[in-house]
ModelCIF file with pLDDT and N, C-alpha, C, O atoms, coordinates in Angstrom:
data_MODEL
#
_entry.id   MODEL 
#
_entity.id                         1 
_entity.type                       polymer 
_entity.pdbx_number_of_molecules   1 
#
_entity_poly.entity_id                      1 
_entity_poly.type                           'polypeptide(L)' 
_entity_poly.nstd_linkage                   no 
_entity_poly.nstd_monomer                   no 
_entity_poly.pdbx_seq_one_letter_code       KMEQYYVPLCCAYKIISSELKGVSKKLILQMAVKAVNNSTGP 
_entity_poly.pdbx_seq_one_letter_code_can   KMEQYYVPLCCAYKIISSELKGVSKKLILQMAVKAVNNSTGP 
_entity_poly.pdbx_strand_id                 A 
#
loop_
_entity_poly_seq.entity_id 
_entity_poly_seq.num 
_entity_poly_seq.mon_id 
_entity_poly_seq.hetero 
1 1  LYS n 
1 2  MET n 
1 3  GLU n 
1 4  GLN n 
1 5  TYR n 
1 6  TYR n 
1 7  VAL n 
1 8  PRO n 
1 9  LEU n 
1 10 CYS n 
1 11 CYS n 
1 12 ALA n 
1 13 TYR n 
1 14 LYS n 
1 15 ILE n 
1 16 ILE n 
1 17 SER n 
1 18 SER n 
1 19 GLU n 
1 20 LEU n 
1 21 LYS n 
1 22 GLY n 
1 23 VAL n 
1 24 SER n 
1 25 LYS n 
1 26 LYS n 
1 27 LEU n 
1 28 ILE n 
1 29 LEU n 
1 30 GLN n 
1 31 MET n 
1 32 ALA n 
1 33 VAL n 
1 34 LYS n 
1 35 ALA n 
1 36 VAL n 
1 37 ASN n 
1 38 ASN n 
1 39 SER n 
1 40 THR n 
1 41 GLY n 
1 42 PRO n 
#
_struct_asym.id          A 
_struct_asym.entity_id   1 
#
loop_
_ma_qa_metric.id 
_ma_qa_metric.mode 
_ma_qa_metric.name 
_ma_qa_metric.software_group_id 
_ma_qa_metric.type 
1 global pLDDT . pLDDT 
2 local  pLDDT . pLDDT 
#
_ma_qa_metric_global.metric_id      1 
_ma_qa_metric_global.metric_value   85.29 
_ma_qa_metric_global.model_id       1 
_ma_qa_metric_global.ordinal_id     1 
#
loop_
_ma_qa_metric_local.label_asym_id 
_ma_qa_metric_local.label_comp_id 
_ma_qa_metric_local.label_seq_id 
_ma_qa_metric_local.metric_id 
_ma_qa_metric_local.metric_value 
_ma_qa_metric_local.model_id 
_ma_qa_metric_local.ordinal_id 
A LYS 1  2 61.00 1 1  
A MET 2  2 64.00 1 2  
A GLU 3  2 70.00 1 3  
A GLN 4  2 73.00 1 4  
A TYR 5  2 77.00 1 5  
A TYR 6  2 82.00 1 6  
A VAL 7  2 82.00 1 7  
A PRO 8  2 84.00 1 8  
A LEU 9  2 87.00 1 9  
A CYS 10 2 91.00 1 10 
A CYS 11 2 91.00 1 11 
A ALA 12 2 90.00 1 12 
A TYR 13 2 93.00 1 13 
A LYS 14 2 94.00 1 14 
A ILE 15 2 93.00 1 15 
A ILE 16 2 93.00 1 16 
A SER 17 2 94.00 1 17 
A SER 18 2 94.00 1 18 
A GLU 19 2 94.00 1 19 
A LEU 20 2 92.00 1 20 
A LYS 21 2 89.00 1 21 
A GLY 22 2 90.00 1 22 
A VAL 23 2 92.00 1 23 
A SER 24 2 94.00 1 24 
A LYS 25 2 93.00 1 25 
A LYS 26 2 94.00 1 26 
A LEU 27 2 94.00 1 27 
A ILE 28 2 93.00 1 28 
A LEU 29 2 92.00 1 29 
A GLN 30 2 92.00 1 30 
A MET 31 2 92.00 1 31 
A ALA 32 2 90.00 1 32 
A VAL 33 2 87.00 1 33 
A LYS 34 2 86.00 1 34 
A ALA 35 2 86.00 1 35 
A VAL 36 2 84.00 1 36 
A ASN 37 2 78.00 1 37 
A ASN 38 2 79.00 1 38 
A SER 39 2 79.00 1 39 
A THR 40 2 66.00 1 40 
A GLY 41 2 68.00 1 41 
A PRO 42 2 65.00 1 42 
#
loop_
_atom_site.group_PDB 
_atom_site.id 
_atom_site.type_symbol 
_atom_site.label_atom_id 
_atom_site.label_alt_id 
_atom_site.label_comp_id 
_atom_site.label_asym_id 
_atom_site.label_entity_id 
_atom_site.label_seq_id 
_atom_site.pdbx_PDB_ins_code 
_atom_site.Cartn_x 
_atom_site.Cartn_y 
_atom_site.Cartn_z 
_atom_site.occupancy 
_atom_site.B_iso_or_equiv 
_atom_site.pdbx_formal_charge 
_atom_site.auth_seq_id 
_atom_site.auth_comp_id 
_atom_site.auth_asym_id 
_atom_site.auth_atom_id 
_atom_site.pdbx_PDB_model_num 
ATOM 1   N N  . LYS A 1 1  ? 0.825  -1.207 0.000   1.00 61.00 ? 1  LYS A N  1 
ATOM 2   C CA . LYS A 1 1  ? 0.000  0.000  0.000   1.00 61.00 ? 1  LYS A CA 1 
ATOM 3   C C  . LYS A 1 1  ? 0.856  1.252  0.000   1.00 61.00 ? 1  LYS A C  1 
ATOM 4   O O  . LYS A 1 1  ? 0.517  2.236  -0.657  1.00 61.00 ? 1  LYS A O  1 
ATOM 5   N N  . MET A 1 2  ? 1.963  1.226  0.730   1.00 64.00 ? 2  MET A N  1 
ATOM 6   C CA . MET A 1 2  ? 2.841  2.397  0.779   1.00 64.00 ? 2  MET A CA 1 
ATOM 7   C C  . MET A 1 2  ? 3.651  2.520  -0.501  1.00 64.00 ? 2  MET A C  1 
ATOM 8   O O  . MET A 1 2  ? 3.836  3.625  -1.011  1.00 64.00 ? 2  MET A O  1 
ATOM 9   N N  . GLU A 1 3  ? 4.136  1.404  -1.027  1.00 70.00 ? 3  GLU A N  1 
ATOM 10  C CA . GLU A 1 3  ? 4.946  1.436  -2.240  1.00 70.00 ? 3  GLU A CA 1 
ATOM 11  C C  . GLU A 1 3  ? 4.133  1.904  -3.442  1.00 70.00 ? 3  GLU A C  1 
ATOM 12  O O  . GLU A 1 3  ? 4.686  2.490  -4.372  1.00 70.00 ? 3  GLU A O  1 
ATOM 13  N N  . GLN A 1 4  ? 2.857  1.657  -3.433  1.00 73.00 ? 4  GLN A N  1 
ATOM 14  C CA . GLN A 1 4  ? 1.997  2.034  -4.543  1.00 73.00 ? 4  GLN A CA 1 
ATOM 15  C C  . GLN A 1 4  ? 2.001  3.551  -4.747  1.00 73.00 ? 4  GLN A C  1 
ATOM 16  O O  . GLN A 1 4  ? 1.932  4.015  -5.886  1.00 73.00 ? 4  GLN A O  1 
ATOM 17  N N  . TYR A 1 5  ? 2.079  4.315  -3.687  1.00 77.00 ? 5  TYR A N  1 
ATOM 18  C CA . TYR A 1 5  ? 2.006  5.770  -3.789  1.00 77.00 ? 5  TYR A CA 1 
ATOM 19  C C  . TYR A 1 5  ? 3.353  6.453  -3.623  1.00 77.00 ? 5  TYR A C  1 
ATOM 20  O O  . TYR A 1 5  ? 3.439  7.671  -3.775  1.00 77.00 ? 5  TYR A O  1 
ATOM 21  N N  . TYR A 1 6  ? 4.405  5.708  -3.315  1.00 82.00 ? 6  TYR A N  1 
ATOM 22  C CA . TYR A 1 6  ? 5.701  6.321  -3.060  1.00 82.00 ? 6  TYR A CA 1 
ATOM 23  C C  . TYR A 1 6  ? 6.286  6.962  -4.314  1.00 82.00 ? 6  TYR A C  1 
ATOM 24  O O  . TYR A 1 6  ? 6.717  8.114  -4.278  1.00 82.00 ? 6  TYR A O  1 
ATOM 25  N N  . VAL A 1 7  ? 6.304  6.228  -5.417  1.00 82.00 ? 7  VAL A N  1 
ATOM 26  C CA . VAL A 1 7  ? 6.927  6.733  -6.643  1.00 82.00 ? 7  VAL A CA 1 
ATOM 27  C C  . VAL A 1 7  ? 6.200  7.961  -7.184  1.00 82.00 ? 7  VAL A C  1 
ATOM 28  O O  . VAL A 1 7  ? 6.859  8.963  -7.461  1.00 82.00 ? 7  VAL A O  1 
ATOM 29  N N  . PRO A 1 8  ? 4.868  7.936  -7.349  1.00 84.00 ? 8  PRO A N  1 
ATOM 30  C CA . PRO A 1 8  ? 4.198  9.146  -7.845  1.00 84.00 ? 8  PRO A CA 1 
ATOM 31  C C  . PRO A 1 8  ? 4.361  10.337 -6.891  1.00 84.00 ? 8  PRO A C  1 
ATOM 32  O O  . PRO A 1 8  ? 4.521  11.475 -7.333  1.00 84.00 ? 8  PRO A O  1 
ATOM 33  N N  . LEU A 1 9  ? 4.319  10.067 -5.583  1.00 87.00 ? 9  LEU A N  1 
ATOM 34  C CA . LEU A 1 9  ? 4.472  11.150 -4.613  1.00 87.00 ? 9  LEU A CA 1 
ATOM 35  C C  . LEU A 1 9  ? 5.871  11.735 -4.675  1.00 87.00 ? 9  LEU A C  1 
ATOM 36  O O  . LEU A 1 9  ? 6.044  12.952 -4.614  1.00 87.00 ? 9  LEU A O  1 
ATOM 37  N N  . CYS A 1 10 ? 6.869  10.873 -4.796  1.00 91.00 ? 10 CYS A N  1 
ATOM 38  C CA . CYS A 1 10 ? 8.257  11.320 -4.880  1.00 91.00 ? 10 CYS A CA 1 
ATOM 39  C C  . CYS A 1 10 ? 8.473  12.149 -6.152  1.00 91.00 ? 10 CYS A C  1 
ATOM 40  O O  . CYS A 1 10 ? 9.130  13.189 -6.107  1.00 91.00 ? 10 CYS A O  1 
ATOM 41  N N  . CYS A 1 11 ? 7.930  11.700 -7.272  1.00 91.00 ? 11 CYS A N  1 
ATOM 42  C CA . CYS A 1 11 ? 8.071  12.443 -8.527  1.00 91.00 ? 11 CYS A CA 1 
ATOM 43  C C  . CYS A 1 11 ? 7.395  13.806 -8.445  1.00 91.00 ? 11 CYS A C  1 
ATOM 44  O O  . CYS A 1 11 ? 7.968  14.813 -8.861  1.00 91.00 ? 11 CYS A O  1 
ATOM 45  N N  . ALA A 1 12 ? 6.190  13.841 -7.913  1.00 90.00 ? 12 ALA A N  1 
ATOM 46  C CA . ALA A 1 12 ? 5.475  15.112 -7.774  1.00 90.00 ? 12 ALA A CA 1 
ATOM 47  C C  . ALA A 1 12 ? 6.231  16.057 -6.850  1.00 90.00 ? 12 ALA A C  1 
ATOM 48  O O  . ALA A 1 12 ? 6.321  17.254 -7.122  1.00 90.00 ? 12 ALA A O  1 
ATOM 49  N N  . TYR A 1 13 ? 6.774  15.525 -5.760  1.00 93.00 ? 13 TYR A N  1 
ATOM 50  C CA . TYR A 1 13 ? 7.534  16.351 -4.816  1.00 93.00 ? 13 TYR A CA 1 
ATOM 51  C C  . TYR A 1 13 ? 8.759  16.958 -5.490  1.00 93.00 ? 13 TYR A C  1 
ATOM 52  O O  . TYR A 1 13 ? 9.041  18.144 -5.320  1.00 93.00 ? 13 TYR A O  1 
ATOM 53  N N  . LYS A 1 14 ? 9.488  16.145 -6.255  1.00 94.00 ? 14 LYS A N  1 
ATOM 54  C CA . LYS A 1 14 ? 10.693 16.643 -6.936  1.00 94.00 ? 14 LYS A CA 1 
ATOM 55  C C  . LYS A 1 14 ? 10.360 17.715 -7.963  1.00 94.00 ? 14 LYS A C  1 
ATOM 56  O O  . LYS A 1 14 ? 11.066 18.719 -8.059  1.00 94.00 ? 14 LYS A O  1 
ATOM 57  N N  . ILE A 1 15 ? 9.303  17.519 -8.725  1.00 93.00 ? 15 ILE A N  1 
ATOM 58  C CA . ILE A 1 15 ? 8.910  18.492 -9.747  1.00 93.00 ? 15 ILE A CA 1 
ATOM 59  C C  . ILE A 1 15 ? 8.501  19.808 -9.099  1.00 93.00 ? 15 ILE A C  1 
ATOM 60  O O  . ILE A 1 15 ? 8.932  20.878 -9.528  1.00 93.00 ? 15 ILE A O  1 
ATOM 61  N N  . ILE A 1 16 ? 7.673  19.727 -8.073  1.00 93.00 ? 16 ILE A N  1 
ATOM 62  C CA . ILE A 1 16 ? 7.201  20.946 -7.416  1.00 93.00 ? 16 ILE A CA 1 
ATOM 63  C C  . ILE A 1 16 ? 8.341  21.674 -6.726  1.00 93.00 ? 16 ILE A C  1 
ATOM 64  O O  . ILE A 1 16 ? 8.415  22.902 -6.788  1.00 93.00 ? 16 ILE A O  1 
ATOM 65  N N  . SER A 1 17 ? 9.226  20.944 -6.071  1.00 94.00 ? 17 SER A N  1 
ATOM 66  C CA . SER A 1 17 ? 10.336 21.599 -5.373  1.00 94.00 ? 17 SER A CA 1 
ATOM 67  C C  . SER A 1 17 ? 11.325 22.234 -6.350  1.00 94.00 ? 17 SER A C  1 
ATOM 68  O O  . SER A 1 17 ? 11.949 23.245 -6.028  1.00 94.00 ? 17 SER A O  1 
ATOM 69  N N  . SER A 1 18 ? 11.471 21.649 -7.540  1.00 94.00 ? 18 SER A N  1 
ATOM 70  C CA . SER A 1 18 ? 12.374 22.264 -8.524  1.00 94.00 ? 18 SER A CA 1 
ATOM 71  C C  . SER A 1 18 ? 11.756 23.512 -9.159  1.00 94.00 ? 18 SER A C  1 
ATOM 72  O O  . SER A 1 18 ? 12.470 24.435 -9.551  1.00 94.00 ? 18 SER A O  1 
ATOM 73  N N  . GLU A 1 19 ? 10.428 23.530 -9.256  1.00 94.00 ? 19 GLU A N  1 
ATOM 74  C CA . GLU A 1 19 ? 9.741  24.685 -9.848  1.00 94.00 ? 19 GLU A CA 1 
ATOM 75  C C  . GLU A 1 19 ? 9.593  25.845 -8.867  1.00 94.00 ? 19 GLU A C  1 
ATOM 76  O O  . GLU A 1 19 ? 9.662  27.008 -9.266  1.00 94.00 ? 19 GLU A O  1 
ATOM 77  N N  . LEU A 1 20 ? 9.393  25.538 -7.600  1.00 92.00 ? 20 LEU A N  1 
ATOM 78  C CA . LEU A 1 20 ? 9.136  26.573 -6.596  1.00 92.00 ? 20 LEU A CA 1 
ATOM 79  C C  . LEU A 1 20 ? 10.298 26.654 -5.614  1.00 92.00 ? 20 LEU A C  1 
ATOM 80  O O  . LEU A 1 20 ? 10.394 25.855 -4.682  1.00 92.00 ? 20 LEU A O  1 
ATOM 81  N N  . LYS A 1 21 ? 11.159 27.604 -5.827  1.00 89.00 ? 21 LYS A N  1 
ATOM 82  C CA . LYS A 1 21 ? 12.293 27.801 -4.926  1.00 89.00 ? 21 LYS A CA 1 
ATOM 83  C C  . LYS A 1 21 ? 11.847 28.685 -3.755  1.00 89.00 ? 21 LYS A C  1 
ATOM 84  O O  . LYS A 1 21 ? 11.088 29.635 -3.946  1.00 89.00 ? 21 LYS A O  1 
ATOM 85  N N  . GLY A 1 22 ? 12.311 28.376 -2.574  1.00 90.00 ? 22 GLY A N  1 
ATOM 86  C CA . GLY A 1 22 ? 12.012 29.198 -1.401  1.00 90.00 ? 22 GLY A CA 1 
ATOM 87  C C  . GLY A 1 22 ? 10.702 28.877 -0.710  1.00 90.00 ? 22 GLY A C  1 
ATOM 88  O O  . GLY A 1 22 ? 10.323 29.575 0.231   1.00 90.00 ? 22 GLY A O  1 
ATOM 89  N N  . VAL A 1 23 ? 10.001 27.847 -1.144  1.00 92.00 ? 23 VAL A N  1 
ATOM 90  C CA . VAL A 1 23 ? 8.747  27.441 -0.505  1.00 92.00 ? 23 VAL A CA 1 
ATOM 91  C C  . VAL A 1 23 ? 9.074  26.362 0.522   1.00 92.00 ? 23 VAL A C  1 
ATOM 92  O O  . VAL A 1 23 ? 9.952  25.530 0.291   1.00 92.00 ? 23 VAL A O  1 
ATOM 93  N N  . SER A 1 24 ? 8.376  26.372 1.646   1.00 94.00 ? 24 SER A N  1 
ATOM 94  C CA . SER A 1 24 ? 8.664  25.415 2.715   1.00 94.00 ? 24 SER A CA 1 
ATOM 95  C C  . SER A 1 24 ? 8.412  23.980 2.256   1.00 94.00 ? 24 SER A C  1 
ATOM 96  O O  . SER A 1 24 ? 7.558  23.725 1.406   1.00 94.00 ? 24 SER A O  1 
ATOM 97  N N  . LYS A 1 25 ? 9.167  23.055 2.833   1.00 93.00 ? 25 LYS A N  1 
ATOM 98  C CA . LYS A 1 25 ? 9.031  21.637 2.479   1.00 93.00 ? 25 LYS A CA 1 
ATOM 99  C C  . LYS A 1 25 ? 7.652  21.100 2.835   1.00 93.00 ? 25 LYS A C  1 
ATOM 100 O O  . LYS A 1 25 ? 7.108  20.246 2.136   1.00 93.00 ? 25 LYS A O  1 
ATOM 101 N N  . LYS A 1 26 ? 7.097  21.604 3.920   1.00 94.00 ? 26 LYS A N  1 
ATOM 102 C CA . LYS A 1 26 ? 5.765  21.163 4.342   1.00 94.00 ? 26 LYS A CA 1 
ATOM 103 C C  . LYS A 1 26 ? 4.711  21.537 3.298   1.00 94.00 ? 26 LYS A C  1 
ATOM 104 O O  . LYS A 1 26 ? 3.830  20.737 2.985   1.00 94.00 ? 26 LYS A O  1 
ATOM 105 N N  . LEU A 1 27 ? 4.805  22.746 2.766   1.00 94.00 ? 27 LEU A N  1 
ATOM 106 C CA . LEU A 1 27 ? 3.854  23.196 1.751   1.00 94.00 ? 27 LEU A CA 1 
ATOM 107 C C  . LEU A 1 27 ? 4.043  22.426 0.445   1.00 94.00 ? 27 LEU A C  1 
ATOM 108 O O  . LEU A 1 27 ? 3.069  22.098 -0.233  1.00 94.00 ? 27 LEU A O  1 
ATOM 109 N N  . ILE A 1 28 ? 5.302  22.137 0.094   1.00 93.00 ? 28 ILE A N  1 
ATOM 110 C CA . ILE A 1 28 ? 5.567  21.358 -1.111  1.00 93.00 ? 28 ILE A CA 1 
ATOM 111 C C  . ILE A 1 28 ? 4.989  19.951 -0.974  1.00 93.00 ? 28 ILE A C  1 
ATOM 112 O O  . ILE A 1 28 ? 4.427  19.416 -1.929  1.00 93.00 ? 28 ILE A O  1 
ATOM 113 N N  . LEU A 1 29 ? 5.124  19.353 0.204   1.00 92.00 ? 29 LEU A N  1 
ATOM 114 C CA . LEU A 1 29 ? 4.562  18.025 0.434   1.00 92.00 ? 29 LEU A CA 1 
ATOM 115 C C  . LEU A 1 29 ? 3.039  18.048 0.325   1.00 92.00 ? 29 LEU A C  1 
ATOM 116 O O  . LEU A 1 29 ? 2.444  17.124 -0.229  1.00 92.00 ? 29 LEU A O  1 
ATOM 117 N N  . GLN A 1 30 ? 2.403  19.098 0.850   1.00 92.00 ? 30 GLN A N  1 
ATOM 118 C CA . GLN A 1 30 ? 0.948  19.214 0.729   1.00 92.00 ? 30 GLN A CA 1 
ATOM 119 C C  . GLN A 1 30 ? 0.525  19.311 -0.732  1.00 92.00 ? 30 GLN A C  1 
ATOM 120 O O  . GLN A 1 30 ? -0.459 18.699 -1.145  1.00 92.00 ? 30 GLN A O  1 
ATOM 121 N N  . MET A 1 31 ? 1.281  20.088 -1.509  1.00 92.00 ? 31 MET A N  1 
ATOM 122 C CA . MET A 1 31 ? 0.966  20.223 -2.936  1.00 92.00 ? 31 MET A CA 1 
ATOM 123 C C  . MET A 1 31 ? 1.168  18.901 -3.675  1.00 92.00 ? 31 MET A C  1 
ATOM 124 O O  . MET A 1 31 ? 0.381  18.554 -4.556  1.00 92.00 ? 31 MET A O  1 
ATOM 125 N N  . ALA A 1 32 ? 2.216  18.168 -3.317  1.00 90.00 ? 32 ALA A N  1 
ATOM 126 C CA . ALA A 1 32 ? 2.490  16.890 -3.965  1.00 90.00 ? 32 ALA A CA 1 
ATOM 127 C C  . ALA A 1 32 ? 1.392  15.877 -3.662  1.00 90.00 ? 32 ALA A C  1 
ATOM 128 O O  . ALA A 1 32 ? 0.950  15.157 -4.557  1.00 90.00 ? 32 ALA A O  1 
ATOM 129 N N  . VAL A 1 33 ? 0.950  15.815 -2.412  1.00 87.00 ? 33 VAL A N  1 
ATOM 130 C CA . VAL A 1 33 ? -0.132 14.893 -2.039  1.00 87.00 ? 33 VAL A CA 1 
ATOM 131 C C  . VAL A 1 33 ? -1.409 15.257 -2.778  1.00 87.00 ? 33 VAL A C  1 
ATOM 132 O O  . VAL A 1 33 ? -2.121 14.372 -3.253  1.00 87.00 ? 33 VAL A O  1 
ATOM 133 N N  . LYS A 1 34 ? -1.709 16.545 -2.882  1.00 86.00 ? 34 LYS A N  1 
ATOM 134 C CA . LYS A 1 34 ? -2.898 16.997 -3.610  1.00 86.00 ? 34 LYS A CA 1 
ATOM 135 C C  . LYS A 1 34 ? -2.794 16.624 -5.087  1.00 86.00 ? 34 LYS A C  1 
ATOM 136 O O  . LYS A 1 34 ? -3.779 16.199 -5.691  1.00 86.00 ? 34 LYS A O  1 
ATOM 137 N N  . ALA A 1 35 ? -1.607 16.781 -5.670  1.00 86.00 ? 35 ALA A N  1 
ATOM 138 C CA . ALA A 1 35 ? -1.416 16.435 -7.080  1.00 86.00 ? 35 ALA A CA 1 
ATOM 139 C C  . ALA A 1 35 ? -1.622 14.939 -7.316  1.00 86.00 ? 35 ALA A C  1 
ATOM 140 O O  . ALA A 1 35 ? -2.243 14.545 -8.303  1.00 86.00 ? 35 ALA A O  1 
ATOM 141 N N  . VAL A 1 36 ? -1.102 14.108 -6.408  1.00 84.00 ? 36 VAL A N  1 
ATOM 142 C CA . VAL A 1 36 ? -1.270 12.658 -6.555  1.00 84.00 ? 36 VAL A CA 1 
ATOM 143 C C  . VAL A 1 36 ? -2.739 12.277 -6.362  1.00 84.00 ? 36 VAL A C  1 
ATOM 144 O O  . VAL A 1 36 ? -3.250 11.416 -7.079  1.00 84.00 ? 36 VAL A O  1 
ATOM 145 N N  . ASN A 1 37 ? -3.411 12.895 -5.418  1.00 78.00 ? 37 ASN A N  1 
ATOM 146 C CA . ASN A 1 37 ? -4.830 12.599 -5.190  1.00 78.00 ? 37 ASN A CA 1 
ATOM 147 C C  . ASN A 1 37 ? -5.701 13.021 -6.365  1.00 78.00 ? 37 ASN A C  1 
ATOM 148 O O  . ASN A 1 37 ? -6.754 12.430 -6.600  1.00 78.00 ? 37 ASN A O  1 
ATOM 149 N N  . ASN A 1 38 ? -5.267 14.047 -7.109  1.00 79.00 ? 38 ASN A N  1 
ATOM 150 C CA . ASN A 1 38 ? -6.035 14.513 -8.264  1.00 79.00 ? 38 ASN A CA 1 
ATOM 151 C C  . ASN A 1 38 ? -5.663 13.776 -9.541  1.00 79.00 ? 38 ASN A C  1 
ATOM 152 O O  . ASN A 1 38 ? -6.246 14.025 -10.596 1.00 79.00 ? 38 ASN A O  1 
ATOM 153 N N  . SER A 1 39 ? -4.701 12.874 -9.454  1.00 79.00 ? 39 SER A N  1 
ATOM 154 C CA . SER A 1 39 ? -4.285 12.104 -10.628 1.00 79.00 ? 39 SER A CA 1 
ATOM 155 C C  . SER A 1 39 ? -5.201 10.892 -10.806 1.00 79.00 ? 39 SER A C  1 
ATOM 156 O O  . SER A 1 39 ? -5.833 10.424 -9.858  1.00 79.00 ? 39 SER A O  1 
ATOM 157 N N  . THR A 1 40 ? -5.253 10.411 -12.011 1.00 66.00 ? 40 THR A N  1 
ATOM 158 C CA . THR A 1 40 ? -6.080 9.241  -12.308 1.00 66.00 ? 40 THR A CA 1 
ATOM 159 C C  . THR A 1 40 ? -5.486 8.005  -11.668 1.00 66.00 ? 40 THR A C  1 
ATOM 160 O O  . THR A 1 40 ? -4.291 7.741  -11.808 1.00 66.00 ? 40 THR A O  1 
ATOM 161 N N  . GLY A 1 41 ? -6.305 7.252  -10.973 1.00 68.00 ? 41 GLY A N  1 
ATOM 162 C CA . GLY A 1 41 ? -5.870 6.028  -10.317 1.00 68.00 ? 41 GLY A CA 1 
ATOM 163 C C  . GLY A 1 41 ? -5.799 4.868  -11.293 1.00 68.00 ? 41 GLY A C  1 
ATOM 164 O O  . GLY A 1 41 ? -6.031 5.046  -12.488 1.00 68.00 ? 41 GLY A O  1 
ATOM 165 N N  . PRO A 1 42 ? -5.478 3.674  -10.792 1.00 65.00 ? 42 PRO A N  1 
ATOM 166 C CA . PRO A 1 42 ? -5.333 2.506  -11.666 1.00 65.00 ? 42 PRO A CA 1 
ATOM 167 C C  . PRO A 1 42 ? -6.626 2.087  -12.361 1.00 65.00 ? 42 PRO A C  1 
ATOM 168 O O  . PRO A 1 42 ? -6.632 1.119  -13.122 1.00 65.00 ? 42 PRO A O  1 
#
């Protein structure tokens, strides 16, 4: 269950953190989780 969401969450986190410099890690994580939740599931 954890591995299923690790890769998409990690990718979203990396993309958002590279695009938004100076934003807190907590806010970037919230954005990444929201992006994964809004993505199409299996």
